[in-house]
Amino acid sequence: MARESVVKIAFFNGYYLPHLGGVERYTEKLAAELAKEGHEVVIVTTNHANLRERERRDGMTIYRLPTYGLFKQRYPILKKDKELLRKIEAEGIDYFVLNTRFHLTSLLGAKMAKKLGKRAVVIDHGTGHFTVNNKVLDFFGGIYEHALTWRLKRLVEDYYGVSERCGRWLEHFGIKSEGVFYNAVDAKDFDLHKKKRYGKDFGSKTVIVYAGRIMREKGVELLLEAFLEIKDSYKNAVLVVAGDGGIMPELREKYKDPRIFFEGKLDYDELMALLNRADVFVHPSMYPEGLPTVILEAGLMKCAVVATDRGGSKEVIKSDEYGMIIEENKTSLKRALTELLNKPAKTRKIGERLQRRVREEFVWGKTAKRIVKDMERGR
């Protein structure tokens, strides 16, 4: 890319690495792709774990804003640090990317872009209200989210989603989506991981995998119950649960079975090695997803994917040739698992088709090109 077209792009995030989550990974991968194309990248986030307030990492500049202790791990509230804000403003940012509407970092980025006369876009990552899994707090949180979105609408004109489904959710706030900056994967990761072995040997077993946060809204317990009810008919099948979360100790105690493996939190290489070994990947979520990265990762590694109709799942699994979209109940999940376990040849073909689709349509290079096109439109 010619040097004169280089742009300095800033991502404003509620959290960033080493905090792990879908938005964090989205930012990391997209920022790396843009940096590879020659653009300069700045990350502005919160200091959730007493990290350095400014550092250079992977060719990017990261600023971490101080926060109050209250809700620090769920919803960080910013302290005002005028000196640090002046340093960020002095970076000479050309284009502001505000990840999600409900974090205060997005409002900060919107105000800064307005002050500096620069273009800002909001990328939405959900298809439902932000939740802390408490009915009372969620009720007031919904009111707060509407109020914060109303303030953002006065500062930012253009909104995108990580899936078309996210764009439709924006209509709930009276916002018309400008389009999609899809969540994605790196197509080269298949070649990097296709020969790697997972640490545990499952022999010739048919491996069913769940990977993600261990919380009820993600449907992991639904999968555990469904597996227990069909396992006697499929002696060669095992279930592997990867991830961590608040209900993990309870699940370990309740679902003790020699064919259920609770692997805990895996790093990226371990997860990809597990998906490479898996035959079926299940994402039985009942959570307001955007476009779950792990569905794309499982597809990239040729898993047959079973998923509920949440977020952009149907945009990836556009027909039953590419996977199975199920209802949010145990009967539907058991039916899907039974069909795949009964037809291993069909299961392999579904995984192969899904991999081709992911490698063609859901890769970071394509998303980065859409971002660059939007930047050029505003220059």
Protein backbone atom coordinates (compact mmCIF):
# COMPACT_ATOMS: atom_id res chain seq x y z
CA MET A 1 0.00 0.00 0.00
CA ALA A 2 1.37 3.43 -0.94
CA ARG A 3 2.71 5.44 1.94
CA GLU A 4 0.50 8.47 1.21
CA SER A 5 -2.59 6.35 1.92
CA VAL A 6 -1.47 5.41 5.45
CA VAL A 7 -4.07 6.28 8.09
CA LYS A 8 -3.78 6.29 11.88
CA ILE A 9 -6.69 4.28 13.24
CA ALA A 10 -7.75 4.19 16.90
CA PHE A 11 -9.87 1.44 18.45
CA PHE A 12 -11.73 2.42 21.63
CA ASN A 13 -12.57 -0.69 23.68
CA GLY A 14 -14.01 -1.33 27.12
CA TYR A 15 -11.35 -4.04 27.50
CA TYR A 16 -8.32 -5.26 25.60
CA LEU A 17 -5.69 -7.95 26.01
CA PRO A 18 -4.71 -9.57 28.30
CA HIS A 19 -8.46 -9.48 29.11
CA LEU A 20 -10.00 -12.22 26.95
CA GLY A 21 -13.28 -11.94 25.09
CA GLY A 22 -14.83 -11.78 21.65
CA VAL A 23 -14.50 -8.01 21.24
CA GLU A 24 -10.88 -8.12 22.40
CA ARG A 25 -9.99 -10.81 19.91
CA TYR A 26 -11.88 -9.02 17.13
CA THR A 27 -9.88 -5.86 17.83
CA GLU A 28 -6.56 -7.68 18.04
CA LYS A 29 -6.99 -9.53 14.75
CA LEU A 30 -8.48 -6.62 12.78
CA ALA A 31 -5.85 -4.20 14.10
CA ALA A 32 -3.08 -6.62 13.12
CA GLU A 33 -4.51 -6.94 9.60
CA LEU A 34 -4.71 -3.15 9.20
CA ALA A 35 -1.17 -2.75 10.54
CA LYS A 36 -0.01 -5.36 8.01
CA GLU A 37 -1.51 -3.17 5.29
CA GLY A 38 0.72 -0.30 6.47
CA HIS A 39 -1.69 1.65 8.67
CA GLU A 40 -0.79 2.87 12.15
CA VAL A 41 -2.94 1.54 15.01
CA VAL A 42 -3.72 2.92 18.46
CA ILE A 43 -5.73 1.01 21.06
CA VAL A 44 -7.50 2.97 23.80
CA THR A 45 -8.93 0.84 26.58
CA THR A 46 -9.26 0.58 30.37
CA ASN A 47 -6.61 -0.39 32.87
CA HIS A 48 -8.44 -3.33 34.41
CA ALA A 49 -5.42 -5.10 35.94
CA ASN A 50 -2.78 -2.52 36.98
CA LEU A 51 -0.99 -2.63 33.63
CA ARG A 52 1.18 0.09 32.08
CA GLU A 53 -0.83 3.13 31.03
CA ARG A 54 1.04 3.31 27.70
CA GLU A 55 3.02 0.67 25.85
CA ARG A 56 4.02 -0.52 22.43
CA ARG A 57 3.00 -4.07 21.59
CA ASP A 58 3.00 -5.86 18.23
CA GLY A 59 3.70 -2.56 16.46
CA MET A 60 0.67 -0.85 18.05
CA THR A 61 0.40 1.83 20.73
CA ILE A 62 -1.87 0.91 23.64
CA TYR A 63 -3.28 3.44 26.12
CA ARG A 64 -4.99 2.18 29.28
CA LEU A 65 -7.28 4.61 31.08
CA PRO A 66 -7.66 4.54 34.87
CA THR A 67 -10.99 3.34 36.28
CA TYR A 68 -12.80 3.23 39.60
CA GLY A 69 -12.90 -0.10 41.44
CA LEU A 70 -16.69 -0.49 41.28
CA PHE A 71 -17.82 -2.89 38.49
CA LYS A 72 -14.22 -2.93 37.22
CA GLN A 73 -14.45 -6.46 35.83
CA ARG A 74 -17.89 -6.06 34.24
CA TYR A 75 -18.43 -2.39 33.42
CA PRO A 76 -15.42 -0.11 34.01
CA ILE A 77 -16.17 3.49 34.99
CA LEU A 78 -13.51 5.90 33.75
CA LYS A 79 -11.53 8.28 35.93
CA LYS A 80 -10.63 11.56 34.27
CA ASP A 81 -6.90 11.74 33.45
CA LYS A 82 -6.39 14.98 31.51
CA GLU A 83 -2.71 14.40 30.86
CA LEU A 84 -3.28 10.94 29.39
CA LEU A 85 -6.17 12.21 27.27
CA ARG A 86 -3.94 14.99 25.90
CA LYS A 87 -1.38 12.36 24.90
CA ILE A 88 -4.04 10.39 23.04
CA GLU A 89 -5.29 13.50 21.26
CA ALA A 90 -1.71 14.33 20.25
CA GLU A 91 -1.39 10.98 18.44
CA GLY A 92 -2.96 12.53 15.34
CA ILE A 93 -5.71 9.94 14.94
CA ASP A 94 -7.48 10.03 11.57
CA TYR A 95 -10.25 7.45 12.08
CA PHE A 96 -11.98 6.35 15.29
CA VAL A 97 -13.45 2.85 15.68
CA LEU A 98 -15.73 2.58 18.74
CA ASN A 99 -16.36 -1.05 19.69
CA THR A 100 -19.85 -1.49 21.20
CA ARG A 101 -22.28 1.24 22.22
CA PHE A 102 -22.46 0.55 25.94
CA HIS A 103 -18.90 1.07 27.16
CA LEU A 104 -17.87 4.53 28.31
CA THR A 105 -14.74 4.28 26.18
CA SER A 106 -17.01 4.57 23.12
CA LEU A 107 -18.52 7.79 24.42
CA LEU A 108 -15.02 9.10 25.16
CA GLY A 109 -13.86 8.24 21.63
CA ALA A 110 -16.95 9.86 20.12
CA LYS A 111 -16.35 13.10 22.01
CA MET A 112 -12.67 13.12 21.07
CA ALA A 113 -13.43 12.53 17.38
CA LYS A 114 -15.99 15.34 17.43
CA LYS A 115 -13.52 17.70 19.11
CA LEU A 116 -10.79 16.89 16.58
CA GLY A 117 -13.13 16.95 13.59
CA LYS A 118 -12.41 13.33 12.66
CA ARG A 119 -14.60 10.49 11.41
CA ALA A 120 -15.87 7.94 13.93
CA VAL A 121 -17.85 4.73 13.47
CA VAL A 122 -19.48 2.46 16.03
CA ILE A 123 -19.21 -1.32 15.57
CA ASP A 124 -21.91 -3.21 17.48
CA HIS A 125 -21.14 -6.73 18.73
CA GLY A 126 -24.45 -7.86 20.20
CA THR A 127 -28.05 -8.68 19.39
CA GLY A 128 -29.61 -7.93 22.76
CA HIS A 129 -29.21 -5.70 25.77
CA PHE A 130 -25.96 -5.84 27.72
CA THR A 131 -26.45 -8.11 30.71
CA VAL A 132 -24.82 -8.74 34.10
CA ASN A 133 -27.16 -11.71 34.76
CA ASN A 134 -29.18 -9.91 37.44
CA LYS A 135 -32.80 -9.06 36.59
CA VAL A 136 -32.92 -5.84 38.60
CA LEU A 137 -29.55 -4.58 37.40
CA ASP A 138 -30.34 -5.66 33.83
CA PHE A 139 -33.60 -3.66 33.91
CA PHE A 140 -31.84 -0.46 34.92
CA GLY A 141 -28.94 -1.38 32.65
CA GLY A 142 -31.32 -1.41 29.69
CA ILE A 143 -32.50 2.10 30.55
CA TYR A 144 -28.89 3.22 30.89
CA GLU A 145 -27.95 1.61 27.56
CA HIS A 146 -30.72 3.52 25.78
CA ALA A 147 -29.57 6.78 27.41
CA LEU A 148 -25.93 6.18 26.45
CA THR A 149 -26.90 5.23 22.89
CA TRP A 150 -28.96 8.42 22.63
CA ARG A 151 -25.84 10.42 23.56
CA LEU A 152 -23.73 8.51 21.02
CA LYS A 153 -26.29 9.18 18.28
CA ARG A 154 -25.74 12.92 18.80
CA LEU A 155 -22.01 12.48 18.21
CA VAL A 156 -21.66 9.60 15.69
CA GLU A 157 -23.60 9.12 12.46
CA ASP A 158 -22.38 5.76 11.20
CA TYR A 159 -23.01 2.38 12.83
CA TYR A 160 -22.00 -1.10 11.72
CA GLY A 161 -22.41 -4.62 13.10
CA VAL A 162 -20.17 -7.68 13.18
CA SER A 163 -23.10 -9.49 11.54
CA GLU A 164 -26.29 -8.52 9.72
CA ARG A 165 -28.20 -9.63 12.80
CA CYS A 166 -26.37 -6.96 14.82
CA GLY A 167 -27.48 -4.40 12.27
CA ARG A 168 -31.10 -5.41 12.75
CA TRP A 169 -30.69 -5.09 16.53
CA LEU A 170 -29.56 -1.48 16.05
CA GLU A 171 -33.04 -0.70 14.73
CA HIS A 172 -34.24 -1.20 18.33
CA PHE A 173 -32.44 2.08 19.09
CA GLY A 174 -33.69 3.88 16.02
CA ILE A 175 -30.38 3.37 14.19
CA LYS A 176 -30.02 2.31 10.56
CA SER A 177 -26.91 0.18 10.09
CA GLU A 178 -24.51 1.24 7.35
CA GLY A 179 -23.38 -2.35 6.81
CA VAL A 180 -21.30 -5.17 8.25
CA PHE A 181 -17.68 -5.43 9.35
CA TYR A 182 -17.81 -9.19 9.81
CA ASN A 183 -16.12 -11.06 12.61
CA ALA A 184 -13.57 -13.34 10.99
CA VAL A 185 -10.63 -15.75 11.26
CA ASP A 186 -7.20 -16.03 9.68
CA ALA A 187 -7.44 -18.54 6.84
CA LYS A 188 -3.77 -19.51 7.34
CA ASP A 189 -4.58 -20.86 10.82
CA PHE A 190 -5.88 -24.11 9.34
CA ASP A 191 -2.53 -24.92 7.79
CA LEU A 192 -0.75 -23.89 10.99
CA HIS A 193 -2.83 -26.21 13.18
CA LYS A 194 -4.00 -29.08 10.96
CA LYS A 195 -1.10 -31.34 12.01
CA LYS A 196 -1.03 -30.38 15.68
CA ARG A 197 -2.19 -32.95 18.20
CA TYR A 198 -4.29 -32.09 21.20
CA GLY A 199 -2.72 -32.94 24.56
CA LYS A 200 -5.27 -35.63 25.38
CA ASP A 201 -5.58 -38.71 23.18
CA PHE A 202 -9.18 -39.69 22.39
CA GLY A 203 -8.17 -42.57 20.17
CA SER A 204 -10.82 -43.45 17.58
CA LYS A 205 -13.65 -41.81 19.52
CA THR A 206 -16.10 -39.41 17.90
CA VAL A 207 -15.34 -36.10 19.63
CA ILE A 208 -18.08 -33.56 20.37
CA VAL A 209 -16.78 -30.20 21.62
CA TYR A 210 -18.14 -27.15 23.40
CA ALA A 211 -15.77 -24.19 23.85
CA GLY A 212 -16.65 -20.86 25.41
CA ARG A 213 -17.60 -19.19 28.65
CA ILE A 214 -19.10 -21.58 31.18
CA MET A 215 -22.38 -19.87 31.95
CA ARG A 216 -25.99 -21.02 31.70
CA GLU A 217 -26.86 -18.49 29.01
CA LYS A 218 -24.35 -20.17 26.72
CA GLY A 219 -26.32 -23.43 26.84
CA VAL A 220 -23.50 -25.64 28.05
CA GLU A 221 -25.70 -27.42 30.61
CA LEU A 222 -28.27 -28.12 27.88
CA LEU A 223 -25.53 -29.90 25.95
CA LEU A 224 -24.38 -31.89 28.98
CA GLU A 225 -27.92 -33.11 29.64
CA ALA A 226 -28.49 -34.00 25.98
CA PHE A 227 -25.24 -35.95 25.82
CA LEU A 228 -26.05 -37.97 28.94
CA GLU A 229 -29.38 -38.97 27.43
CA ILE A 230 -27.91 -40.23 24.13
CA LYS A 231 -24.50 -41.54 25.19
CA ASP A 232 -25.62 -45.12 25.85
CA SER A 233 -26.69 -45.40 22.21
CA TYR A 234 -23.32 -44.08 20.99
CA LYS A 235 -20.58 -45.85 22.95
CA ASN A 236 -17.87 -44.35 20.76
CA ALA A 237 -18.76 -40.68 21.43
CA VAL A 238 -17.16 -38.38 24.00
CA LEU A 239 -17.97 -34.82 25.02
CA VAL A 240 -15.20 -32.27 25.66
CA VAL A 241 -16.04 -28.99 27.43
CA ALA A 242 -13.41 -26.26 27.15
CA GLY A 243 -13.57 -22.93 28.94
CA ASP A 244 -14.12 -21.49 32.39
CA GLY A 245 -16.74 -19.53 34.27
CA GLY A 246 -18.75 -19.19 37.44
CA ILE A 247 -20.72 -22.45 37.19
CA MET A 248 -17.77 -24.67 36.27
CA PRO A 249 -17.30 -26.19 39.78
CA GLU A 250 -21.02 -27.01 39.89
CA LEU A 251 -20.95 -28.67 36.47
CA ARG A 252 -17.84 -30.71 37.29
CA GLU A 253 -19.58 -32.06 40.37
CA LYS A 254 -22.96 -32.67 38.76
CA TYR A 255 -21.83 -34.23 35.47
CA LYS A 256 -19.22 -36.74 36.52
CA ASP A 257 -18.91 -39.25 33.71
CA PRO A 258 -15.89 -41.02 32.20
CA ARG A 259 -16.91 -39.82 28.74
CA ILE A 260 -17.25 -36.15 29.67
CA PHE A 261 -13.99 -34.17 29.84
CA PHE A 262 -13.85 -30.73 31.46
CA GLU A 263 -10.67 -29.21 30.06
CA GLY A 264 -10.84 -25.76 31.63
CA LYS A 265 -9.51 -22.65 29.94
CA LEU A 266 -7.37 -23.32 26.85
CA ASP A 267 -5.01 -20.97 25.08
CA TYR A 268 -5.53 -20.35 21.37
CA ASP A 269 -3.14 -23.04 20.12
CA GLU A 270 -4.66 -25.62 22.47
CA LEU A 271 -8.18 -24.69 21.34
CA MET A 272 -7.30 -24.96 17.66
CA ALA A 273 -5.64 -28.33 18.27
CA LEU A 274 -8.80 -29.52 20.02
CA LEU A 275 -11.02 -28.27 17.18
CA ASN A 276 -8.70 -29.99 14.72
CA ARG A 277 -9.40 -33.27 16.55
CA ALA A 278 -13.14 -32.63 16.96
CA ASP A 279 -15.80 -34.10 14.72
CA VAL A 280 -18.75 -32.01 15.93
CA PHE A 281 -18.77 -28.57 17.52
CA VAL A 282 -21.86 -27.44 19.46
CA HIS A 283 -22.73 -23.81 20.23
CA PRO A 284 -26.12 -24.03 22.01
CA SER A 285 -26.16 -20.38 23.07
CA MET A 286 -29.15 -18.49 24.47
CA TYR A 287 -27.02 -15.32 24.81
CA PRO A 288 -27.30 -12.10 22.70
CA GLU A 289 -24.35 -12.99 20.47
CA GLY A 290 -22.92 -10.89 17.64
CA LEU A 291 -21.09 -13.44 15.52
CA PRO A 292 -19.32 -16.01 17.71
CA THR A 293 -15.65 -16.34 16.75
CA VAL A 294 -15.56 -19.94 17.92
CA ILE A 295 -18.14 -20.96 15.29
CA LEU A 296 -15.83 -19.58 12.60
CA GLU A 297 -12.81 -21.28 14.19
CA ALA A 298 -14.63 -24.61 14.37
CA GLY A 299 -15.71 -24.25 10.75
CA LEU A 300 -12.16 -23.41 9.71
CA MET A 301 -10.97 -26.66 11.31
CA LYS A 302 -13.64 -28.69 9.42
CA CYS A 303 -15.98 -29.37 12.34
CA ALA A 304 -19.64 -29.99 11.65
CA VAL A 305 -21.27 -27.19 13.64
CA VAL A 306 -24.56 -27.36 15.55
CA ALA A 307 -25.73 -23.93 16.72
CA THR A 308 -28.80 -22.07 17.92
CA ASP A 309 -30.16 -19.17 15.88
CA ARG A 310 -28.27 -16.49 17.81
CA GLY A 311 -26.29 -13.59 16.40
CA GLY A 312 -24.94 -14.20 12.93
CA SER A 313 -24.93 -18.01 13.14
CA LYS A 314 -27.39 -18.29 10.22
CA GLU A 315 -25.21 -15.99 8.13
CA VAL A 316 -22.40 -18.54 8.41
CA ILE A 317 -24.55 -21.69 8.36
CA LYS A 318 -26.79 -20.47 5.57
CA SER A 319 -28.33 -23.90 4.88
CA ASP A 320 -28.20 -27.46 6.24
CA GLU A 321 -25.38 -28.17 3.78
CA TYR A 322 -23.10 -26.12 6.05
CA GLY A 323 -24.26 -27.17 9.51
CA MET A 324 -27.35 -27.44 11.68
CA ILE A 325 -29.33 -24.57 13.20
CA ILE A 326 -31.42 -25.85 16.11
CA GLU A 327 -34.09 -24.59 18.47
CA GLU A 328 -33.09 -23.69 22.01
CA ASN A 329 -34.20 -26.92 23.63
CA LYS A 330 -32.84 -30.34 24.46
CA THR A 331 -35.06 -32.24 22.01
CA SER A 332 -33.78 -30.27 19.03
CA LEU A 333 -30.17 -30.65 20.19
CA LYS A 334 -30.50 -34.42 20.70
CA ARG A 335 -32.03 -34.78 17.25
CA ALA A 336 -29.11 -32.94 15.64
CA LEU A 337 -26.45 -34.89 17.53
CA THR A 338 -28.17 -38.18 16.74
CA GLU A 339 -28.25 -37.41 13.03
CA LEU A 340 -24.56 -36.47 12.91
CA LEU A 341 -23.48 -39.47 14.99
CA ASN A 342 -25.50 -41.80 12.78
CA LYS A 343 -24.03 -40.38 9.55
CA PRO A 344 -20.26 -39.84 9.88
CA ALA A 345 -19.78 -39.40 6.12
CA LYS A 346 -22.39 -36.63 6.07
CA THR A 347 -20.77 -35.06 9.12
CA ARG A 348 -17.39 -34.89 7.34
CA LYS A 349 -18.93 -33.34 4.21
CA ILE A 350 -20.71 -30.67 6.27
CA GLY A 351 -17.40 -29.77 7.92
CA GLU A 352 -15.61 -29.56 4.56
CA ARG A 353 -18.30 -27.33 3.04
CA LEU A 354 -18.32 -25.05 6.07
CA GLN A 355 -14.55 -24.70 5.94
CA ARG A 356 -14.68 -23.57 2.31
CA ARG A 357 -17.34 -21.02 3.15
CA VAL A 358 -15.41 -19.62 6.12
CA ARG A 359 -12.18 -19.35 4.13
CA GLU A 360 -13.97 -17.56 1.29
CA GLU A 361 -16.22 -15.17 3.21
CA PHE A 362 -15.15 -14.74 6.85
CA VAL A 363 -11.45 -13.83 6.83
CA TRP A 364 -9.75 -10.75 8.28
CA GLY A 365 -8.48 -9.58 4.92
CA LYS A 366 -12.05 -9.04 3.70
CA THR A 367 -13.13 -7.22 6.87
CA ALA A 368 -10.04 -4.99 6.76
CA LYS A 369 -10.80 -4.05 3.15
CA ARG A 370 -14.33 -3.02 4.17
CA ILE A 371 -12.88 -0.83 6.94
CA VAL A 372 -10.38 0.77 4.53
CA LYS A 373 -13.15 1.46 2.02
CA ASP A 374 -15.16 3.17 4.75
CA MET A 375 -12.13 5.25 5.77
CA GLU A 376 -11.61 6.37 2.19
CA ARG A 377 -15.28 7.33 1.91
CA GLY A 378 -14.86 9.77 4.79
CA ARG A 379 -11.59 11.38 3.69
